PDB file of all heavy atoms in Angstrom:
ATOM      1  N   ASN A   1     -12.638  -6.213  14.143  1.00  0.00           N
ATOM      2  CA  ASN A   1     -13.652  -7.031  14.833  1.00  0.00           C
ATOM      3  C   ASN A   1     -13.132  -8.394  15.286  1.00  0.00           C
ATOM      4  O   ASN A   1     -13.922  -9.265  15.677  1.00  0.00           O
ATOM      5  CB  ASN A   1     -14.902  -7.236  13.951  1.00  0.00           C
ATOM      6  CG  ASN A   1     -15.636  -5.933  13.697  1.00  0.00           C
ATOM      7  OD1 ASN A   1     -15.718  -5.074  14.583  1.00  0.00           O
ATOM      8  ND2 ASN A   1     -16.172  -5.776  12.498  1.00  0.00           N
ATOM      9  N   TYR A   2     -11.810  -8.588  15.240  1.00  0.00           N
ATOM     10  CA  TYR A   2     -11.213  -9.806  15.778  1.00  0.00           C
ATOM     11  C   TYR A   2     -10.481  -9.476  17.074  1.00  0.00           C
ATOM     12  O   TYR A   2      -9.696  -8.521  17.128  1.00  0.00           O
ATOM     13  CB  TYR A   2     -10.219 -10.426  14.785  1.00  0.00           C
ATOM     14  CG  TYR A   2     -10.865 -11.057  13.576  1.00  0.00           C
ATOM     15  CD1 TYR A   2     -11.072 -10.322  12.415  1.00  0.00           C
ATOM     16  CD2 TYR A   2     -11.262 -12.395  13.608  1.00  0.00           C
ATOM     17  CE1 TYR A   2     -11.661 -10.894  11.300  1.00  0.00           C
ATOM     18  CE2 TYR A   2     -11.850 -12.977  12.502  1.00  0.00           C
ATOM     19  CZ  TYR A   2     -12.049 -12.226  11.350  1.00  0.00           C
ATOM     20  OH  TYR A   2     -12.640 -12.808  10.245  1.00  0.00           O
ATOM     21  N   ARG A   3     -10.728 -10.274  18.099  1.00  0.00           N
ATOM     22  CA  ARG A   3     -10.028 -10.089  19.359  1.00  0.00           C
ATOM     23  C   ARG A   3      -8.670 -10.775  19.276  1.00  0.00           C
ATOM     24  O   ARG A   3      -8.577 -11.971  19.004  1.00  0.00           O
ATOM     25  CB  ARG A   3     -10.831 -10.668  20.522  1.00  0.00           C
ATOM     26  CG  ARG A   3     -10.137 -10.529  21.884  1.00  0.00           C
ATOM     27  CD  ARG A   3     -10.982 -11.132  23.002  1.00  0.00           C
ATOM     28  NE  ARG A   3     -10.271 -11.104  24.277  1.00  0.00           N
ATOM     29  CZ  ARG A   3      -9.418 -12.031  24.669  1.00  0.00           C
ATOM     30  NH1 ARG A   3      -9.173 -13.076  23.889  1.00  0.00           N
ATOM     31  NH2 ARG A   3      -8.797 -11.928  25.843  1.00  0.00           N
ATOM     32  N   VAL A   4      -7.630 -10.007  19.490  1.00  0.00           N
ATOM     33  CA  VAL A   4      -6.275 -10.534  19.429  1.00  0.00           C
ATOM     34  C   VAL A   4      -5.681 -10.478  20.830  1.00  0.00           C
ATOM     35  O   VAL A   4      -5.471  -9.397  21.383  1.00  0.00           O
ATOM     36  CB  VAL A   4      -5.390  -9.722  18.454  1.00  0.00           C
ATOM     37  CG1 VAL A   4      -3.998 -10.338  18.371  1.00  0.00           C
ATOM     38  CG2 VAL A   4      -6.032  -9.652  17.074  1.00  0.00           C
ATOM     39  N   PRO A   5      -5.400 -11.632  21.446  1.00  0.00           N
ATOM     40  CA  PRO A   5      -4.894 -11.644  22.828  1.00  0.00           C
ATOM     41  C   PRO A   5      -3.457 -11.129  22.923  1.00  0.00           C
ATOM     42  O   PRO A   5      -2.687 -11.168  21.963  1.00  0.00           O
ATOM     43  CB  PRO A   5      -4.959 -13.131  23.221  1.00  0.00           C
ATOM     44  CG  PRO A   5      -5.817 -13.784  22.187  1.00  0.00           C
ATOM     45  CD  PRO A   5      -5.652 -12.990  20.951  1.00  0.00           C
ATOM     46  N   LYS A   6      -3.115 -10.672  24.084  1.00  0.00           N
ATOM     47  CA  LYS A   6      -1.744 -10.268  24.380  1.00  0.00           C
ATOM     48  C   LYS A   6      -0.788 -11.439  24.130  1.00  0.00           C
ATOM     49  O   LYS A   6      -1.100 -12.591  24.431  1.00  0.00           O
ATOM     50  CB  LYS A   6      -1.650  -9.826  25.841  1.00  0.00           C
ATOM     51  CG  LYS A   6      -0.246  -9.493  26.319  1.00  0.00           C
ATOM     52  CD  LYS A   6      -0.242  -9.114  27.786  1.00  0.00           C
ATOM     53  CE  LYS A   6       1.168  -8.849  28.289  1.00  0.00           C
ATOM     54  NZ  LYS A   6       1.191  -8.478  29.734  1.00  0.00           N
ATOM     55  N   GLY A   7       0.387 -11.129  23.561  1.00  0.00           N
ATOM     56  CA  GLY A   7       1.386 -12.159  23.314  1.00  0.00           C
ATOM     57  C   GLY A   7       1.293 -12.827  21.962  1.00  0.00           C
ATOM     58  O   GLY A   7       2.180 -13.598  21.593  1.00  0.00           O
ATOM     59  N   VAL A   8       0.239 -12.530  21.195  1.00  0.00           N
ATOM     60  CA  VAL A   8       0.078 -13.121  19.864  1.00  0.00           C
ATOM     61  C   VAL A   8       0.802 -12.245  18.832  1.00  0.00           C
ATOM     62  O   VAL A   8       0.734 -11.020  18.893  1.00  0.00           O
ATOM     63  CB  VAL A   8      -1.410 -13.257  19.505  1.00  0.00           C
ATOM     64  CG1 VAL A   8      -1.582 -13.627  18.034  1.00  0.00           C
ATOM     65  CG2 VAL A   8      -2.080 -14.301  20.387  1.00  0.00           C
ATOM     66  N   ASN A   9       1.479 -12.882  17.899  1.00  0.00           N
ATOM     67  CA  ASN A   9       2.157 -12.136  16.829  1.00  0.00           C
ATOM     68  C   ASN A   9       1.172 -11.768  15.726  1.00  0.00           C
ATOM     69  O   ASN A   9       0.378 -12.607  15.285  1.00  0.00           O
ATOM     70  CB  ASN A   9       3.289 -12.963  16.222  1.00  0.00           C
ATOM     71  CG  ASN A   9       4.483 -13.078  17.143  1.00  0.00           C
ATOM     72  OD1 ASN A   9       4.756 -12.182  17.929  1.00  0.00           O
ATOM     73  ND2 ASN A   9       5.195 -14.191  17.052  1.00  0.00           N
ATOM     74  N   VAL A  10       1.235 -10.530  15.291  1.00  0.00           N
ATOM     75  CA  VAL A  10       0.428 -10.055  14.166  1.00  0.00           C
ATOM     76  C   VAL A  10       1.363  -9.713  13.016  1.00  0.00           C
ATOM     77  O   VAL A  10       2.352  -8.999  13.199  1.00  0.00           O
ATOM     78  CB  VAL A  10      -0.408  -8.814  14.561  1.00  0.00           C
ATOM     79  CG1 VAL A  10      -1.121  -8.235  13.344  1.00  0.00           C
ATOM     80  CG2 VAL A  10      -1.431  -9.183  15.630  1.00  0.00           C
ATOM     81  N   VAL A  11       1.055 -10.249  11.838  1.00  0.00           N
ATOM     82  CA  VAL A  11       1.912 -10.069  10.666  1.00  0.00           C
ATOM     83  C   VAL A  11       1.251  -9.112   9.685  1.00  0.00           C
ATOM     84  O   VAL A  11       0.073  -9.271   9.345  1.00  0.00           O
ATOM     85  CB  VAL A  11       2.176 -11.423   9.971  1.00  0.00           C
ATOM     86  CG1 VAL A  11       3.016 -11.218   8.709  1.00  0.00           C
ATOM     87  CG2 VAL A  11       2.865 -12.387  10.928  1.00  0.00           C
ATOM     88  N   SER A  12       1.998  -8.121   9.242  1.00  0.00           N
ATOM     89  CA  SER A  12       1.549  -7.217   8.187  1.00  0.00           C
ATOM     90  C   SER A  12       2.316  -7.560   6.907  1.00  0.00           C
ATOM     91  O   SER A  12       3.499  -7.236   6.785  1.00  0.00           O
ATOM     92  CB  SER A  12       1.799  -5.758   8.586  1.00  0.00           C
ATOM     93  OG  SER A  12       1.446  -4.884   7.521  1.00  0.00           O
ATOM     94  N   PRO A  13       1.661  -8.229   5.947  1.00  0.00           N
ATOM     95  CA  PRO A  13       2.364  -8.688   4.737  1.00  0.00           C
ATOM     96  C   PRO A  13       2.434  -7.597   3.667  1.00  0.00           C
ATOM     97  O   PRO A  13       1.745  -7.659   2.650  1.00  0.00           O
ATOM     98  CB  PRO A  13       1.500  -9.864   4.287  1.00  0.00           C
ATOM     99  CG  PRO A  13       0.107  -9.451   4.693  1.00  0.00           C
ATOM    100  CD  PRO A  13       0.259  -8.654   5.967  1.00  0.00           C
ATOM    101  N   HIS A  14       3.280  -6.577   3.881  1.00  0.00           N
ATOM    102  CA  HIS A  14       3.242  -5.435   2.973  1.00  0.00           C
ATOM    103  C   HIS A  14       3.718  -5.780   1.562  1.00  0.00           C
ATOM    104  O   HIS A  14       3.347  -5.095   0.610  1.00  0.00           O
ATOM    105  CB  HIS A  14       4.027  -4.246   3.541  1.00  0.00           C
ATOM    106  CG  HIS A  14       5.410  -4.563   3.999  1.00  0.00           C
ATOM    107  ND1 HIS A  14       5.710  -4.815   5.301  1.00  0.00           N
ATOM    108  CD2 HIS A  14       6.570  -4.672   3.313  1.00  0.00           C
ATOM    109  CE1 HIS A  14       7.001  -5.053   5.406  1.00  0.00           C
ATOM    110  NE2 HIS A  14       7.546  -4.988   4.238  1.00  0.00           N
ATOM    111  N   PHE A  15       4.501  -6.843   1.390  1.00  0.00           N
ATOM    112  CA  PHE A  15       4.868  -7.266   0.036  1.00  0.00           C
ATOM    113  C   PHE A  15       3.606  -7.634  -0.743  1.00  0.00           C
ATOM    114  O   PHE A  15       3.412  -7.203  -1.895  1.00  0.00           O
ATOM    115  CB  PHE A  15       5.830  -8.447   0.106  1.00  0.00           C
ATOM    116  CG  PHE A  15       6.295  -8.952  -1.234  1.00  0.00           C
ATOM    117  CD1 PHE A  15       6.365  -8.107  -2.325  1.00  0.00           C
ATOM    118  CD2 PHE A  15       6.698 -10.262  -1.393  1.00  0.00           C
ATOM    119  CE1 PHE A  15       6.803  -8.569  -3.556  1.00  0.00           C
ATOM    120  CE2 PHE A  15       7.143 -10.732  -2.615  1.00  0.00           C
ATOM    121  CZ  PHE A  15       7.191  -9.893  -3.700  1.00  0.00           C
ATOM    122  N   TYR A  16       2.732  -8.394  -0.117  1.00  0.00           N
ATOM    123  CA  TYR A  16       1.466  -8.786  -0.749  1.00  0.00           C
ATOM    124  C   TYR A  16       0.559  -7.575  -0.935  1.00  0.00           C
ATOM    125  O   TYR A  16      -0.019  -7.367  -2.008  1.00  0.00           O
ATOM    126  CB  TYR A  16       0.777  -9.850   0.110  1.00  0.00           C
ATOM    127  CG  TYR A  16      -0.651 -10.135  -0.302  1.00  0.00           C
ATOM    128  CD1 TYR A  16      -0.934 -10.936  -1.408  1.00  0.00           C
ATOM    129  CD2 TYR A  16      -1.721  -9.596   0.417  1.00  0.00           C
ATOM    130  CE1 TYR A  16      -2.243 -11.192  -1.793  1.00  0.00           C
ATOM    131  CE2 TYR A  16      -3.030  -9.845   0.043  1.00  0.00           C
ATOM    132  CZ  TYR A  16      -3.288 -10.636  -1.070  1.00  0.00           C
ATOM    133  OH  TYR A  16      -4.588 -10.876  -1.451  1.00  0.00           O
ATOM    134  N   LEU A  17       0.443  -6.755   0.102  1.00  0.00           N
ATOM    135  CA  LEU A  17      -0.460  -5.608   0.034  1.00  0.00           C
ATOM    136  C   LEU A  17      -0.049  -4.625  -1.063  1.00  0.00           C
ATOM    137  O   LEU A  17      -0.903  -4.053  -1.746  1.00  0.00           O
ATOM    138  CB  LEU A  17      -0.494  -4.887   1.383  1.00  0.00           C
ATOM    139  CG  LEU A  17      -1.062  -5.679   2.573  1.00  0.00           C
ATOM    140  CD1 LEU A  17      -0.890  -4.894   3.863  1.00  0.00           C
ATOM    141  CD2 LEU A  17      -2.534  -6.005   2.334  1.00  0.00           C
ATOM    142  N   CYS A  18       1.258  -4.444  -1.224  1.00  0.00           N
ATOM    143  CA  CYS A  18       1.746  -3.470  -2.210  1.00  0.00           C
ATOM    144  C   CYS A  18       1.524  -3.914  -3.649  1.00  0.00           C
ATOM    145  O   CYS A  18       1.724  -3.126  -4.575  1.00  0.00           O
ATOM    146  CB  CYS A  18       3.233  -3.196  -1.979  1.00  0.00           C
ATOM    147  SG  CYS A  18       3.560  -2.106  -0.569  1.00  0.00           S
ATOM    148  N   GLN A  19       1.138  -5.177  -3.849  1.00  0.00           N
ATOM    149  CA  GLN A  19       0.847  -5.670  -5.194  1.00  0.00           C
ATOM    150  C   GLN A  19      -0.643  -5.586  -5.525  1.00  0.00           C
ATOM    151  O   GLN A  19      -1.048  -6.016  -6.615  1.00  0.00           O
ATOM    152  CB  GLN A  19       1.306  -7.132  -5.323  1.00  0.00           C
ATOM    153  CG  GLN A  19       2.711  -7.420  -4.832  1.00  0.00           C
ATOM    154  CD  GLN A  19       3.783  -6.642  -5.533  1.00  0.00           C
ATOM    155  OE1 GLN A  19       3.764  -6.566  -6.756  1.00  0.00           O
ATOM    156  NE2 GLN A  19       4.695  -6.042  -4.794  1.00  0.00           N
ATOM    157  N   GLN A  20      -1.440  -5.051  -4.621  1.00  0.00           N
ATOM    158  CA  GLN A  20      -2.886  -5.040  -4.810  1.00  0.00           C
ATOM    159  C   GLN A  20      -3.361  -3.758  -5.481  1.00  0.00           C
ATOM    160  O   GLN A  20      -2.992  -2.660  -5.084  1.00  0.00           O
ATOM    161  CB  GLN A  20      -3.594  -5.203  -3.460  1.00  0.00           C
ATOM    162  CG  GLN A  20      -3.184  -6.439  -2.685  1.00  0.00           C
ATOM    163  CD  GLN A  20      -3.427  -7.708  -3.463  1.00  0.00           C
ATOM    164  OE1 GLN A  20      -4.549  -7.988  -3.889  1.00  0.00           O
ATOM    165  NE2 GLN A  20      -2.363  -8.489  -3.647  1.00  0.00           N
ATOM    166  N   GLU A  21      -4.233  -3.922  -6.495  1.00  0.00           N
ATOM    167  CA  GLU A  21      -4.757  -2.765  -7.223  1.00  0.00           C
ATOM    168  C   GLU A  21      -5.613  -1.865  -6.328  1.00  0.00           C
ATOM    169  O   GLU A  21      -5.754  -0.681  -6.613  1.00  0.00           O
ATOM    170  CB  GLU A  21      -5.593  -3.244  -8.411  1.00  0.00           C
ATOM    171  CG  GLU A  21      -4.784  -3.880  -9.526  1.00  0.00           C
ATOM    172  CD  GLU A  21      -3.969  -2.863 -10.310  1.00  0.00           C
ATOM    173  OE1 GLU A  21      -4.410  -1.697 -10.430  1.00  0.00           O
ATOM    174  OE2 GLU A  21      -2.881  -3.230 -10.804  1.00  0.00           O
ATOM    175  N   LYS A  22      -6.152  -2.402  -5.257  1.00  0.00           N
ATOM    176  CA  LYS A  22      -6.965  -1.580  -4.364  1.00  0.00           C
ATOM    177  C   LYS A  22      -6.134  -0.525  -3.659  1.00  0.00           C
ATOM    178  O   LYS A  22      -6.673   0.470  -3.157  1.00  0.00           O
ATOM    179  CB  LYS A  22      -7.690  -2.457  -3.340  1.00  0.00           C
ATOM    180  CG  LYS A  22      -6.780  -3.189  -2.372  1.00  0.00           C
ATOM    181  CD  LYS A  22      -7.577  -4.084  -1.425  1.00  0.00           C
ATOM    182  CE  LYS A  22      -8.417  -3.279  -0.458  1.00  0.00           C
ATOM    183  NZ  LYS A  22      -9.054  -4.132   0.574  1.00  0.00           N
ATOM    184  N   TYR A  23      -4.822  -0.743  -3.600  1.00  0.00           N
ATOM    185  CA  TYR A  23      -3.941   0.219  -2.932  1.00  0.00           C
ATOM    186  C   TYR A  23      -3.091   1.017  -3.922  1.00  0.00           C
ATOM    187  O   TYR A  23      -2.793   2.191  -3.669  1.00  0.00           O
ATOM    188  CB  TYR A  23      -3.027  -0.509  -1.945  1.00  0.00           C
ATOM    189  CG  TYR A  23      -3.771  -1.206  -0.838  1.00  0.00           C
ATOM    190  CD1 TYR A  23      -3.716  -2.597  -0.687  1.00  0.00           C
ATOM    191  CD2 TYR A  23      -4.565  -0.486   0.059  1.00  0.00           C
ATOM    192  CE1 TYR A  23      -4.409  -3.236   0.334  1.00  0.00           C
ATOM    193  CE2 TYR A  23      -5.260  -1.124   1.080  1.00  0.00           C
ATOM    194  CZ  TYR A  23      -5.176  -2.501   1.205  1.00  0.00           C
ATOM    195  OH  TYR A  23      -5.868  -3.136   2.216  1.00  0.00           O
ATOM    196  N   PHE A  24      -2.681   0.388  -5.029  1.00  0.00           N
ATOM    197  CA  PHE A  24      -1.846   1.066  -6.012  1.00  0.00           C
ATOM    198  C   PHE A  24      -2.342   0.730  -7.411  1.00  0.00           C
ATOM    199  O   PHE A  24      -2.469  -0.454  -7.741  1.00  0.00           O
ATOM    200  CB  PHE A  24      -0.376   0.633  -5.893  1.00  0.00           C
ATOM    201  CG  PHE A  24       0.276   0.988  -4.583  1.00  0.00           C
ATOM    202  CD1 PHE A  24       0.393   0.042  -3.578  1.00  0.00           C
ATOM    203  CD2 PHE A  24       0.765   2.262  -4.354  1.00  0.00           C
ATOM    204  CE1 PHE A  24       0.993   0.357  -2.361  1.00  0.00           C
ATOM    205  CE2 PHE A  24       1.368   2.600  -3.150  1.00  0.00           C
ATOM    206  CZ  PHE A  24       1.478   1.642  -2.157  1.00  0.00           C
ATOM    207  N   SER A  25      -2.612   1.737  -8.210  1.00  0.00           N
ATOM    208  CA  SER A  25      -2.994   1.476  -9.590  1.00  0.00           C
ATOM    209  C   SER A  25      -1.782   0.950 -10.356  1.00  0.00           C
ATOM    210  O   SER A  25      -0.645   1.354 -10.090  1.00  0.00           O
ATOM    211  CB  SER A  25      -3.512   2.766 -10.252  1.00  0.00           C
ATOM    212  OG  SER A  25      -2.512   3.759 -10.275  1.00  0.00           O
ATOM    213  N   GLN A  26      -2.059   0.031 -11.299  1.00  0.00           N
ATOM    214  CA  GLN A  26      -0.978  -0.642 -12.031  1.00  0.00           C
ATOM    215  C   GLN A  26       0.102  -1.110 -11.050  1.00  0.00           C
ATOM    216  O   GLN A  26       1.282  -0.792 -11.183  1.00  0.00           O
ATOM    217  CB  GLN A  26      -0.379   0.287 -13.089  1.00  0.00           C
ATOM    218  CG  GLN A  26      -1.380   0.798 -14.111  1.00  0.00           C
ATOM    219  CD  GLN A  26      -0.728   1.663 -15.166  1.00  0.00           C
ATOM    220  OE1 GLN A  26      -0.015   1.155 -16.039  1.00  0.00           O
ATOM    221  NE2 GLN A  26      -0.973   2.965 -15.112  1.00  0.00           N
ATOM    222  N   ALA A  27      -0.338  -1.860 -10.078  1.00  0.00           N
ATOM    223  CA  ALA A  27       0.518  -2.220  -8.941  1.00  0.00           C
ATOM    224  C   ALA A  27       1.742  -3.025  -9.340  1.00  0.00           C
ATOM    225  O   ALA A  27       2.741  -3.020  -8.621  1.00  0.00           O
ATOM    226  CB  ALA A  27      -0.303  -3.011  -7.911  1.00  0.00           C
ATOM    227  N   ASP A  28       1.691  -3.707 -10.477  1.00  0.00           N
ATOM    228  CA  ASP A  28       2.837  -4.517 -10.898  1.00  0.00           C
ATOM    229  C   ASP A  28       3.836  -3.731 -11.738  1.00  0.00           C
ATOM    230  O   ASP A  28       4.825  -4.295 -12.203  1.00  0.00           O
ATOM    231  CB  ASP A  28       2.363  -5.741 -11.667  1.00  0.00           C
ATOM    232  CG  ASP A  28       1.623  -5.372 -12.948  1.00  0.00           C
ATOM    233  OD1 ASP A  28       1.075  -4.254 -13.019  1.00  0.00           O
ATOM    234  OD2 ASP A  28       1.584  -6.202 -13.884  1.00  0.00           O
ATOM    235  N   LYS A  29       3.585  -2.438 -11.935  1.00  0.00           N
ATOM    236  CA  LYS A  29       4.440  -1.614 -12.770  1.00  0.00           C
ATOM    237  C   LYS A  29       5.349  -0.720 -11.927  1.00  0.00           C
ATOM    238  O   LYS A  29       4.978  -0.273 -10.847  1.00  0.00           O
ATOM    239  CB  LYS A  29       3.601  -0.724 -13.699  1.00  0.00           C
ATOM    240  CG  LYS A  29       2.603  -1.473 -14.563  1.00  0.00           C
ATOM    241  CD  LYS A  29       3.292  -2.380 -15.570  1.00  0.00           C
ATOM    242  CE  LYS A  29       2.262  -3.048 -16.493  1.00  0.00           C
ATOM    243  NZ  LYS A  29       2.887  -4.000 -17.439  1.00  0.00           N
ATOM    244  N   PHE A  30       6.542  -0.466 -12.466  1.00  0.00           N
ATOM    245  CA  PHE A  30       7.485   0.455 -11.840  1.00  0.00           C
ATOM    246  C   PHE A  30       7.124   1.867 -12.283  1.00  0.00           C
ATOM    247  O   PHE A  30       7.411   2.269 -13.414  1.00  0.00           O
ATOM    248  CB  PHE A  30       8.908   0.096 -12.253  1.00  0.00           C
ATOM    249  CG  PHE A  30       9.969   1.014 -11.705  1.00  0.00           C
ATOM    250  CD1 PHE A  30      10.220   1.080 -10.336  1.00  0.00           C
ATOM    251  CD2 PHE A  30      10.734   1.804 -12.559  1.00  0.00           C
ATOM    252  CE1 PHE A  30      11.206   1.916  -9.827  1.00  0.00           C
ATOM    253  CE2 PHE A  30      11.732   2.635 -12.062  1.00  0.00           C
ATOM    254  CZ  PHE A  30      11.958   2.693 -10.703  1.00  0.00           C
ATOM    255  N   ILE A  31       6.453   2.604 -11.394  1.00  0.00           N
ATOM    256  CA  ILE A  31       5.988   3.955 -11.717  1.00  0.00           C
ATOM    257  C   ILE A  31       6.377   4.893 -10.575  1.00  0.00           C
ATOM    258  O   ILE A  31       5.601   5.138  -9.642  1.00  0.00           O
ATOM    259  CB  ILE A  31       4.454   3.987 -11.925  1.00  0.00           C
ATOM    260  CG1 ILE A  31       4.028   2.931 -12.950  1.00  0.00           C
ATOM    261  CG2 ILE A  31       3.998   5.379 -12.376  1.00  0.00           C
ATOM    262  CD1 ILE A  31       2.531   2.833 -13.164  1.00  0.00           C
ATOM    263  N   PRO A  32       7.586   5.415 -10.599  1.00  0.00           N
ATOM    264  CA  PRO A  32       8.033   6.312  -9.522  1.00  0.00           C
ATOM    265  C   PRO A  32       7.153   7.544  -9.365  1.00  0.00           C
ATOM    266  O   PRO A  32       7.040   8.106  -8.266  1.00  0.00           O
ATOM    267  CB  PRO A  32       9.450   6.703  -9.958  1.00  0.00           C
ATOM    268  CG  PRO A  32       9.888   5.596 -10.868  1.00  0.00           C
ATOM    269  CD  PRO A  32       8.657   5.155 -11.583  1.00  0.00           C
ATOM    270  N   GLU A  33       6.506   7.967 -10.460  1.00  0.00           N
ATOM    271  CA  GLU A  33       5.675   9.178 -10.415  1.00  0.00           C
ATOM    272  C   GLU A  33       4.531   9.068  -9.414  1.00  0.00           C
ATOM    273  O   GLU A  33       4.001  10.097  -8.970  1.00  0.00           O
ATOM    274  CB  GLU A  33       5.100   9.477 -11.811  1.00  0.00           C
ATOM    275  CG  GLU A  33       6.121   9.944 -12.823  1.00  0.00           C
ATOM    276  CD  GLU A  33       6.962   8.814 -13.416  1.00  0.00           C
ATOM    277  OE1 GLU A  33       6.695   7.636 -13.091  1.00  0.00           O
ATOM    278  OE2 GLU A  33       7.877   9.107 -14.197  1.00  0.00           O
ATOM    279  N   ARG A  34       4.162   7.856  -9.039  1.00  0.00           N
ATOM    280  CA  ARG A  34       3.058   7.694  -8.091  1.00  0.00           C
ATOM    281  C   ARG A  34       3.395   8.325  -6.735  1.00  0.00           C
ATOM    282  O   ARG A  34       2.501   8.592  -5.938  1.00  0.00           O
ATOM    283  CB  ARG A  34       2.695   6.218  -7.936  1.00  0.00           C
ATOM    284  CG  ARG A  34       3.707   5.388  -7.195  1.00  0.00           C
ATOM    285  CD  ARG A  34       3.211   3.963  -6.957  1.00  0.00           C
ATOM    286  NE  ARG A  34       3.417   3.084  -8.083  1.00  0.00           N
ATOM    287  CZ  ARG A  34       2.429   2.542  -8.799  1.00  0.00           C
ATOM    288  NH1 ARG A  34       1.174   2.815  -8.506  1.00  0.00           N
ATOM    289  NH2 ARG A  34       2.698   1.725  -9.817  1.00  0.00           N
ATOM    290  N   TRP A  35       4.679   8.561  -6.467  1.00  0.00           N
ATOM    291  CA  TRP A  35       5.105   9.128  -5.191  1.00  0.00           C
ATOM    292  C   TRP A  35       5.281  10.645  -5.237  1.00  0.00           C
ATOM    293  O   TRP A  35       5.637  11.256  -4.226  1.00  0.00           O
ATOM    294  CB  TRP A  35       6.430   8.492  -4.754  1.00  0.00           C
ATOM    295  CG  TRP A  35       6.318   7.011  -4.576  1.00  0.00           C
ATOM    296  CD1 TRP A  35       6.615   6.059  -5.498  1.00  0.00           C
ATOM    297  CD2 TRP A  35       5.861   6.313  -3.421  1.00  0.00           C
ATOM    298  NE1 TRP A  35       6.367   4.802  -4.998  1.00  0.00           N
ATOM    299  CE2 TRP A  35       5.907   4.927  -3.718  1.00  0.00           C
ATOM    300  CE3 TRP A  35       5.421   6.715  -2.154  1.00  0.00           C
ATOM    301  CZ2 TRP A  35       5.525   3.947  -2.804  1.00  0.00           C
ATOM    302  CZ3 TRP A  35       5.053   5.742  -1.246  1.00  0.00           C
ATOM    303  CH2 TRP A  35       5.109   4.383  -1.570  1.00  0.00           C
ATOM    304  N   LEU A  36       5.018  11.246  -6.401  1.00  0.00           N
ATOM    305  CA  LEU A  36       5.256  12.675  -6.584  1.00  0.00           C
ATOM    306  C   LEU A  36       3.963  13.432  -6.837  1.00  0.00           C
ATOM    307  O   LEU A  36       2.984  12.864  -7.343  1.00  0.00           O
ATOM    308  CB  LEU A  36       6.198  12.898  -7.776  1.00  0.00           C
ATOM    309  CG  LEU A  36       7.560  12.212  -7.730  1.00  0.00           C
ATOM    310  CD1 LEU A  36       8.277  12.403  -9.059  1.00  0.00           C
ATOM    311  CD2 LEU A  36       8.396  12.752  -6.581  1.00  0.00           C
ATOM    312  N   LYS A  37       3.975  14.710  -6.526  1.00  0.00           N
ATOM    313  CA  LYS A  37       2.873  15.573  -6.915  1.00  0.00           C
ATOM    314  C   LYS A  37       2.818  15.661  -8.435  1.00  0.00           C
ATOM    315  O   LYS A  37       3.847  15.686  -9.104  1.00  0.00           O
ATOM    316  CB  LYS A  37       3.045  16.976  -6.330  1.00  0.00           C
ATOM    317  CG  LYS A  37       2.767  17.092  -4.841  1.00  0.00           C
ATOM    318  CD  LYS A  37       2.844  18.538  -4.392  1.00  0.00           C
ATOM    319  CE  LYS A  37       2.511  18.674  -2.908  1.00  0.00           C
ATOM    320  NZ  LYS A  37       2.559  20.086  -2.444  1.00  0.00           N
ATOM    321  N   SER A  38       1.606  15.722  -8.971  1.00  0.00           N
ATOM    322  CA  SER A  38       1.469  15.843 -10.416  1.00  0.00           C
ATOM    323  C   SER A  38       1.779  17.274 -10.842  1.00  0.00           C
ATOM    324  O   SER A  38       1.913  18.182 -10.012  1.00  0.00           O
ATOM    325  CB  SER A  38       0.044  15.469 -10.841  1.00  0.00           C
ATOM    326  OG  SER A  38      -0.902  16.297 -10.195  1.00  0.00           O
ATOM    327  N   ASP A  39       1.893  17.488 -12.156  1.00  0.00           N
ATOM    328  CA  ASP A  39       2.236  18.808 -12.671  1.00  0.00           C
ATOM    329  C   ASP A  39       1.205  19.868 -12.300  1.00  0.00           C
ATOM    330  O   ASP A  39       1.535  21.056 -12.210  1.00  0.00           O
ATOM    331  CB  ASP A  39       2.388  18.751 -14.197  1.00  0.00           C
ATOM    332  CG  ASP A  39       3.591  17.912 -14.622  1.00  0.00           C
ATOM    333  OD1 ASP A  39       4.515  17.756 -13.794  1.00  0.00           O
ATOM    334  OD2 ASP A  39       3.591  17.412 -15.756  1.00  0.00           O
ATOM    335  N   ASP A  40      -0.048  19.442 -12.096  1.00  0.00           N
ATOM    336  CA  ASP A  40      -1.086  20.411 -11.720  1.00  0.00           C
ATOM    337  C   ASP A  40      -1.177  20.609 -10.211  1.00  0.00           C
ATOM    338  O   ASP A  40      -2.098  21.258  -9.713  1.00  0.00           O
ATOM    339  CB  ASP A  40      -2.448  19.991 -12.279  1.00  0.00           C
ATOM    340  CG  ASP A  40      -2.861  18.599 -11.794  1.00  0.00           C
ATOM    341  OD1 ASP A  40      -2.182  18.028 -10.914  1.00  0.00           O
ATOM    342  OD2 ASP A  40      -3.863  18.075 -12.319  1.00  0.00           O
ATOM    343  N   GLY A  41      -0.191  20.039  -9.473  1.00  0.00           N
ATOM    344  CA  GLY A  41      -0.142  20.260  -8.030  1.00  0.00           C
ATOM    345  C   GLY A  41      -0.950  19.294  -7.194  1.00  0.00           C
ATOM    346  O   GLY A  41      -0.985  19.410  -5.967  1.00  0.00           O
ATOM    347  N   LYS A  42      -1.601  18.324  -7.834  1.00  0.00           N
ATOM    348  CA  LYS A  42      -2.394  17.358  -7.085  1.00  0.00           C
ATOM    349  C   LYS A  42      -1.489  16.463  -6.256  1.00  0.00           C
ATOM    350  O   LYS A  42      -0.364  16.167  -6.629  1.00  0.00           O
ATOM    351  CB  LYS A  42      -3.242  16.509  -8.035  1.00  0.00           C
ATOM    352  CG  LYS A  42      -4.362  17.278  -8.708  1.00  0.00           C
ATOM    353  CD  LYS A  42      -5.203  16.348  -9.572  1.00  0.00           C
ATOM    354  CE  LYS A  42      -6.352  17.114 -10.232  1.00  0.00           C
ATOM    355  NZ  LYS A  42      -7.180  16.221 -11.099  1.00  0.00           N
ATOM    356  N   GLN A  43      -1.998  16.013  -5.120  1.00  0.00           N
ATOM    357  CA  GLN A  43      -1.232  15.137  -4.246  1.00  0.00           C
ATOM    358  C   GLN A  43      -0.955  13.806  -4.940  1.00  0.00           C
ATOM    359  O   GLN A  43      -1.728  13.355  -5.790  1.00  0.00           O
ATOM    360  CB  GLN A  43      -1.995  14.883  -2.940  1.00  0.00           C
ATOM    361  CG  GLN A  43      -2.081  16.082  -2.023  1.00  0.00           C
ATOM    362  CD  GLN A  43      -0.716  16.492  -1.501  1.00  0.00           C
ATOM    363  OE1 GLN A  43       0.107  15.664  -1.131  1.00  0.00           O
ATOM    364  NE2 GLN A  43      -0.462  17.798  -1.494  1.00  0.00           N
ATOM    365  N   PRO A  44       0.163  13.178  -4.613  1.00  0.00           N
ATOM    366  CA  PRO A  44       0.468  11.885  -5.247  1.00  0.00           C
ATOM    367  C   PRO A  44      -0.546  10.821  -4.886  1.00  0.00           C
ATOM    368  O   PRO A  44      -1.224  10.898  -3.855  1.00  0.00           O
ATOM    369  CB  PRO A  44       1.854  11.541  -4.678  1.00  0.00           C
ATOM    370  CG  PRO A  44       1.975  12.340  -3.427  1.00  0.00           C
ATOM    371  CD  PRO A  44       1.194  13.595  -3.662  1.00  0.00           C
TER     372      PRO A  44
END
């Protein structure tokens, strides 16, 4: 809902976003398993 004119830079701060619990549970933890299918076949 924000109008962004041509020529304006838009920044996606994925370092900040990747630390948010709304996107990753236990976001501050090193949990490689979050990228894998679980043992019961559920999507990561």
